[in-house]
């Protein structure tokens, strides 16, 4: 049985909508070419970020053979369980807000996933990965 974690469907919609809104605001209110260029570049960056969420929506999968993680823009990498050195949830306070990140350490790379990448709290995903790894 394979477990999957993916970006919630609403997140790329919000990012792509924000990119369109940013572009529209830039076109309507830019008073010079520099301001318009900044708005276009920011909108393009947000659109690329939203496109990645659509192209590589599933960020993490696990089965009895190992993990599949998204690397780079949308590439996938299979990691066998023996190559996984550590799965942990890191908690860091920043500006009064506590963030949680799922960290998967393979020795040669550390794969980081937020709640927004997984569509679930990192603590729950770590517990589920632990159960899958024990099978």
Protein backbone atom coordinates (compact mmCIF):
# COMPACT_ATOMS: atom_id res chain seq x y z
CA UNK A 1 0.00 0.00 0.00
CA UNK A 2 1.37 3.41 -0.98
CA UNK A 3 0.84 6.58 1.02
CA UNK A 4 0.86 9.92 -0.80
CA UNK A 5 1.16 13.53 0.33
CA UNK A 6 0.50 16.40 -2.02
CA UNK A 7 0.01 20.13 -2.26
CA UNK A 8 -3.62 21.07 -1.50
CA UNK A 9 -5.53 21.95 -4.69
CA UNK A 10 -6.31 25.46 -3.47
CA UNK A 11 -2.66 26.51 -3.13
CA UNK A 12 -1.71 26.66 -6.84
CA UNK A 13 -5.02 28.38 -7.58
CA UNK A 14 -4.19 31.09 -5.02
CA UNK A 15 -0.64 31.50 -6.39
CA UNK A 16 -1.76 31.70 -10.03
CA UNK A 17 -4.58 34.09 -9.11
CA UNK A 18 -2.12 36.23 -7.18
CA UNK A 19 0.20 36.31 -10.19
CA UNK A 20 -2.64 37.45 -12.45
CA UNK A 21 -3.71 40.09 -9.93
CA UNK A 22 -0.15 41.35 -9.53
CA UNK A 23 0.24 41.62 -13.30
CA UNK A 24 -3.07 43.44 -13.61
CA UNK A 25 -2.14 45.91 -10.87
CA UNK A 26 1.21 46.50 -12.56
CA UNK A 27 -0.43 47.14 -15.91
CA UNK A 28 -3.03 49.48 -14.46
CA UNK A 29 -0.94 51.47 -11.99
CA UNK A 30 2.69 51.35 -13.14
CA UNK A 31 3.92 54.85 -13.82
CA UNK A 32 7.19 53.88 -15.49
CA UNK A 33 8.89 50.95 -17.19
CA UNK A 34 10.86 49.93 -14.10
CA UNK A 35 7.75 49.59 -11.94
CA UNK A 36 6.03 47.58 -14.65
CA UNK A 37 9.09 45.35 -15.08
CA UNK A 38 9.19 44.63 -11.33
CA UNK A 39 5.49 43.73 -11.35
CA UNK A 40 5.95 41.46 -14.39
CA UNK A 41 8.98 39.69 -12.89
CA UNK A 42 7.20 39.20 -9.54
CA UNK A 43 4.07 37.89 -11.30
CA UNK A 44 6.17 35.52 -13.42
CA UNK A 45 7.92 34.17 -10.32
CA UNK A 46 4.62 33.60 -8.56
CA UNK A 47 3.18 31.95 -11.69
CA UNK A 48 6.19 29.59 -11.93
CA UNK A 49 5.78 28.70 -8.26
CA UNK A 50 2.09 27.95 -8.85
CA UNK A 51 2.89 25.98 -12.01
CA UNK A 52 5.31 23.79 -10.03
CA UNK A 53 2.51 23.04 -7.60
CA UNK A 54 0.37 21.87 -10.52
CA UNK A 55 3.10 19.89 -12.32
CA UNK A 56 4.57 18.23 -9.22
CA UNK A 57 1.57 18.23 -6.92
CA UNK A 58 2.52 14.97 -5.21
CA UNK A 59 5.60 15.84 -3.17
CA UNK A 60 6.11 12.65 -1.17
CA UNK A 61 5.07 9.02 -1.48
CA UNK A 62 6.02 6.01 0.59
CA UNK A 63 5.62 2.26 0.25
CA UNK A 64 7.43 -0.82 1.49
CA UNK A 65 10.32 -0.24 -0.98
CA UNK A 66 11.08 3.32 0.11
CA UNK A 67 10.22 6.94 -0.55
CA UNK A 68 9.65 8.96 -3.70
CA UNK A 69 10.44 12.66 -3.27
CA UNK A 70 10.22 15.60 -5.64
CA UNK A 71 13.59 17.19 -6.35
CA UNK A 72 14.35 20.33 -8.31
CA UNK A 73 11.43 21.77 -10.22
CA UNK A 74 9.50 18.54 -10.80
CA UNK A 75 11.92 15.58 -10.95
CA UNK A 76 11.29 12.54 -8.78
CA UNK A 77 13.81 10.48 -6.85
CA UNK A 78 13.26 7.04 -5.33
CA UNK A 79 15.02 6.54 -2.00
CA UNK A 80 15.14 2.98 -0.63
CA UNK A 81 14.47 2.69 3.11
CA UNK A 82 18.05 1.63 3.96
CA UNK A 83 19.29 4.95 2.47
CA UNK A 84 17.09 7.00 4.82
CA UNK A 85 19.24 8.00 7.78
CA UNK A 86 16.72 10.14 9.65
CA UNK A 87 13.16 11.39 9.49
CA UNK A 88 12.46 14.23 11.88
CA UNK A 89 10.15 17.16 12.42
CA UNK A 90 12.05 20.38 13.03
CA UNK A 91 10.25 23.14 14.92
CA UNK A 92 11.55 26.68 14.74
CA UNK A 93 10.07 29.87 16.13
CA UNK A 94 10.35 32.83 13.78
CA UNK A 95 8.80 36.25 14.32
CA UNK A 96 6.43 34.82 16.92
CA UNK A 97 5.25 32.02 14.62
CA UNK A 98 6.27 28.39 15.08
CA UNK A 99 7.04 26.58 11.84
CA UNK A 100 7.30 22.82 11.44
CA UNK A 101 9.25 21.13 8.68
CA UNK A 102 9.55 17.45 7.86
CA UNK A 103 13.20 16.62 7.23
CA UNK A 104 14.26 13.44 5.47
CA UNK A 105 18.03 12.97 5.66
CA UNK A 106 19.60 10.50 3.21
CA UNK A 107 23.22 11.29 4.02
CA UNK A 108 23.89 12.93 0.66
CA UNK A 109 20.79 15.18 0.72
CA UNK A 110 18.19 16.58 3.09
CA UNK A 111 14.65 16.81 1.73
CA UNK A 112 12.46 19.43 3.42
CA UNK A 113 8.66 19.53 3.36
CA UNK A 114 6.30 22.03 4.94
CA UNK A 115 2.65 21.56 5.82
CA UNK A 116 1.83 23.30 2.55
CA UNK A 117 3.92 20.80 0.56
CA UNK A 118 2.31 17.81 2.24
CA UNK A 119 -1.27 18.89 2.77
CA UNK A 120 -0.96 17.55 6.33
CA UNK A 121 0.95 18.43 9.50
CA UNK A 122 4.58 17.23 9.30
CA UNK A 123 4.16 15.41 12.65
CA UNK A 124 1.37 13.23 11.19
CA UNK A 125 3.38 12.50 8.05
CA UNK A 126 6.45 11.53 10.09
CA UNK A 127 4.33 9.08 12.12
CA UNK A 128 2.85 7.60 8.95
CA UNK A 129 6.31 7.23 7.39
CA UNK A 130 7.50 5.46 10.53
CA UNK A 131 4.64 2.97 10.22
CA UNK A 132 5.31 2.36 6.50
CA UNK A 133 9.04 1.88 7.16
CA UNK A 134 8.34 -0.78 9.82
CA UNK A 135 6.30 -2.99 7.45
